[in-house]
Amino acid sequence: MAALWGSRRFRRSAMASAGTRAPPGPSTK
């Protein structure tokens, strides 16, 4: 679970790395 080690930081990094790999949704909030 990313929330354990900073979901916000992980989401930002993952989004920039994966780009459009992860679809935008409630998880990004």
PDB file of N, CA and C in Angstrom:
ATOM      1  N   MET A   1       0.832  -1.221   0.000  1.00  0.00           N
ATOM      2  CA  MET A   1       0.000   0.000   0.000  1.00  0.00           C
ATOM      3  C   MET A   1       0.861   1.263   0.000  1.00  0.00           C
ATOM      4  N   ALA A   2       0.675   2.091  -0.983  1.00  0.00           N
ATOM      5  CA  ALA A   2       1.493   3.304  -1.096  1.00  0.00           C
ATOM      6  C   ALA A   2       1.199   4.267   0.054  1.00  0.00           C
ATOM      7  N   ALA A   3      -0.020   4.203   0.574  1.00  0.00           N
ATOM      8  CA  ALA A   3      -0.397   5.127   1.658  1.00  0.00           C
ATOM      9  C   ALA A   3       0.554   4.970   2.845  1.00  0.00           C
ATOM     10  N   LEU A   4       1.159   3.800   2.943  1.00  0.00           N
ATOM     11  CA  LEU A   4       2.057   3.541   4.076  1.00  0.00           C
ATOM     12  C   LEU A   4       3.295   4.433   3.991  1.00  0.00           C
ATOM     13  N   TRP A   5       3.835   4.562   2.802  1.00  0.00           N
ATOM     14  CA  TRP A   5       5.052   5.386   2.650  1.00  0.00           C
ATOM     15  C   TRP A   5       4.789   6.639   1.816  1.00  0.00           C
ATOM     16  N   GLY A   6       3.683   7.296   2.124  1.00  0.00           N
ATOM     17  CA  GLY A   6       3.403   8.567   1.423  1.00  0.00           C
ATOM     18  C   GLY A   6       2.706   8.342   0.099  1.00  0.00           C
ATOM     19  N   SER A   7       1.426   8.097   0.126  1.00  0.00           N
ATOM     20  CA  SER A   7       0.670   7.863  -1.127  1.00  0.00           C
ATOM     21  C   SER A   7       0.751   9.101  -2.014  1.00  0.00           C
ATOM     22  N   ARG A   8       0.751  10.264  -1.392  1.00  0.00           N
ATOM     23  CA  ARG A   8       0.773  11.516  -2.171  1.00  0.00           C
ATOM     24  C   ARG A   8       2.094  11.599  -2.947  1.00  0.00           C
ATOM     25  N   ARG A   9       3.186  11.350  -2.290  1.00  0.00           N
ATOM     26  CA  ARG A   9       4.490  11.449  -2.964  1.00  0.00           C
ATOM     27  C   ARG A   9       4.602  10.335  -4.000  1.00  0.00           C
ATOM     28  N   PHE A  10       4.170   9.175  -3.645  1.00  0.00           N
ATOM     29  CA  PHE A  10       4.263   8.034  -4.571  1.00  0.00           C
ATOM     30  C   PHE A  10       3.403   8.274  -5.807  1.00  0.00           C
ATOM     31  N   ARG A  11       2.199   8.783  -5.594  1.00  0.00           N
ATOM     32  CA  ARG A  11       1.289   9.034  -6.736  1.00  0.00           C
ATOM     33  C   ARG A  11       1.931  10.067  -7.674  1.00  0.00           C
ATOM     34  N   ARG A  12       2.533  11.094  -7.098  1.00  0.00           N
ATOM     35  CA  ARG A  12       3.133  12.163  -7.922  1.00  0.00           C
ATOM     36  C   ARG A  12       4.286  11.567  -8.731  1.00  0.00           C
ATOM     37  N   SER A  13       5.082  10.769  -8.092  1.00  0.00           N
ATOM     38  CA  SER A  13       6.241  10.169  -8.783  1.00  0.00           C
ATOM     39  C   SER A  13       5.764   9.143  -9.814  1.00  0.00           C
ATOM     40  N   ALA A  14       4.828   8.327  -9.409  1.00  0.00           N
ATOM     41  CA  ALA A  14       4.321   7.285 -10.314  1.00  0.00           C
ATOM     42  C   ALA A  14       3.638   7.919 -11.521  1.00  0.00           C
ATOM     43  N   MET A  15       2.883   8.968 -11.280  1.00  0.00           N
ATOM     44  CA  MET A  15       2.173   9.632 -12.396  1.00  0.00           C
ATOM     45  C   MET A  15       3.187  10.209 -13.381  1.00  0.00           C
ATOM     46  N   ALA A  16       4.211  10.838 -12.871  1.00  0.00           N
ATOM     47  CA  ALA A  16       5.219  11.445 -13.746  1.00  0.00           C
ATOM     48  C   ALA A  16       6.004  10.351 -14.474  1.00  0.00           C
ATOM     49  N   SER A  17       6.226   9.245 -13.794  1.00  0.00           N
ATOM     50  CA  SER A  17       6.994   8.151 -14.404  1.00  0.00           C
ATOM     51  C   SER A  17       6.119   7.342 -15.367  1.00  0.00           C
ATOM     52  N   ALA A  18       4.963   6.938 -14.875  1.00  0.00           N
ATOM     53  CA  ALA A  18       4.067   6.131 -15.714  1.00  0.00           C
ATOM     54  C   ALA A  18       3.349   7.008 -16.731  1.00  0.00           C
ATOM     55  N   GLY A  19       3.189   8.276 -16.406  1.00  0.00           N
ATOM     56  CA  GLY A  19       2.510   9.180 -17.342  1.00  0.00           C
ATOM     57  C   GLY A  19       1.012   8.916 -17.351  1.00  0.00           C
ATOM     58  N   THR A  20       0.504   8.391 -18.458  1.00  0.00           N
ATOM     59  CA  THR A  20      -0.945   8.147 -18.538  1.00  0.00           C
ATOM     60  C   THR A  20      -1.231   6.671 -18.270  1.00  0.00           C
ATOM     61  N   ARG A  21      -0.290   6.008 -17.654  1.00  0.00           N
ATOM     62  CA  ARG A  21      -0.461   4.570 -17.375  1.00  0.00           C
ATOM     63  C   ARG A  21      -1.563   4.402 -16.328  1.00  0.00           C
ATOM     64  N   ALA A  22      -1.554   5.260 -15.323  1.00  0.00           N
ATOM     65  CA  ALA A  22      -2.572   5.167 -14.263  1.00  0.00           C
ATOM     66  C   ALA A  22      -3.718   6.136 -14.540  1.00  0.00           C
ATOM     67  N   PRO A  23      -4.912   5.631 -14.760  1.00  0.00           N
ATOM     68  CA  PRO A  23      -6.073   6.467 -15.055  1.00  0.00           C
ATOM     69  C   PRO A  23      -6.444   7.347 -13.855  1.00  0.00           C
ATOM     70  N   PRO A  24      -6.794   8.599 -14.113  1.00  0.00           N
ATOM     71  CA  PRO A  24      -7.175   9.535 -13.045  1.00  0.00           C
ATOM     72  C   PRO A  24      -8.448   9.093 -12.338  1.00  0.00           C
ATOM     73  N   GLY A  25      -8.424   9.155 -11.012  1.00  0.00           N
ATOM     74  CA  GLY A  25      -9.618   8.743 -10.258  1.00  0.00           C
ATOM     75  C   GLY A  25      -9.533   9.184  -8.807  1.00  0.00           C
ATOM     76  N   PRO A  26     -10.352   8.618  -7.963  1.00  0.00           N
ATOM     77  CA  PRO A  26     -10.379   8.981  -6.536  1.00  0.00           C
ATOM     78  C   PRO A  26      -9.073   8.607  -5.842  1.00  0.00           C
ATOM     79  N   SER A  27      -8.347   7.684  -6.427  1.00  0.00           N
ATOM     80  CA  SER A  27      -7.080   7.244  -5.832  1.00  0.00           C
ATOM     81  C   SER A  27      -6.036   8.358  -5.900  1.00  0.00           C
ATOM     82  N   THR A  28      -6.110   9.183  -6.946  1.00  0.00           N
ATOM     83  CA  THR A  28      -5.120  10.264  -7.109  1.00  0.00           C
ATOM     84  C   THR A  28      -5.327  11.354  -6.072  1.00  0.00           C
ATOM     85  N   LYS A  29      -6.546  11.444  -5.535  1.00  0.00           N
ATOM     86  CA  LYS A  29      -6.816  12.546  -4.586  1.00  0.00           C
ATOM     87  C   LYS A  29      -5.916  12.383  -3.388  1.00  0.00           C
TER      88      LYS A  29
END
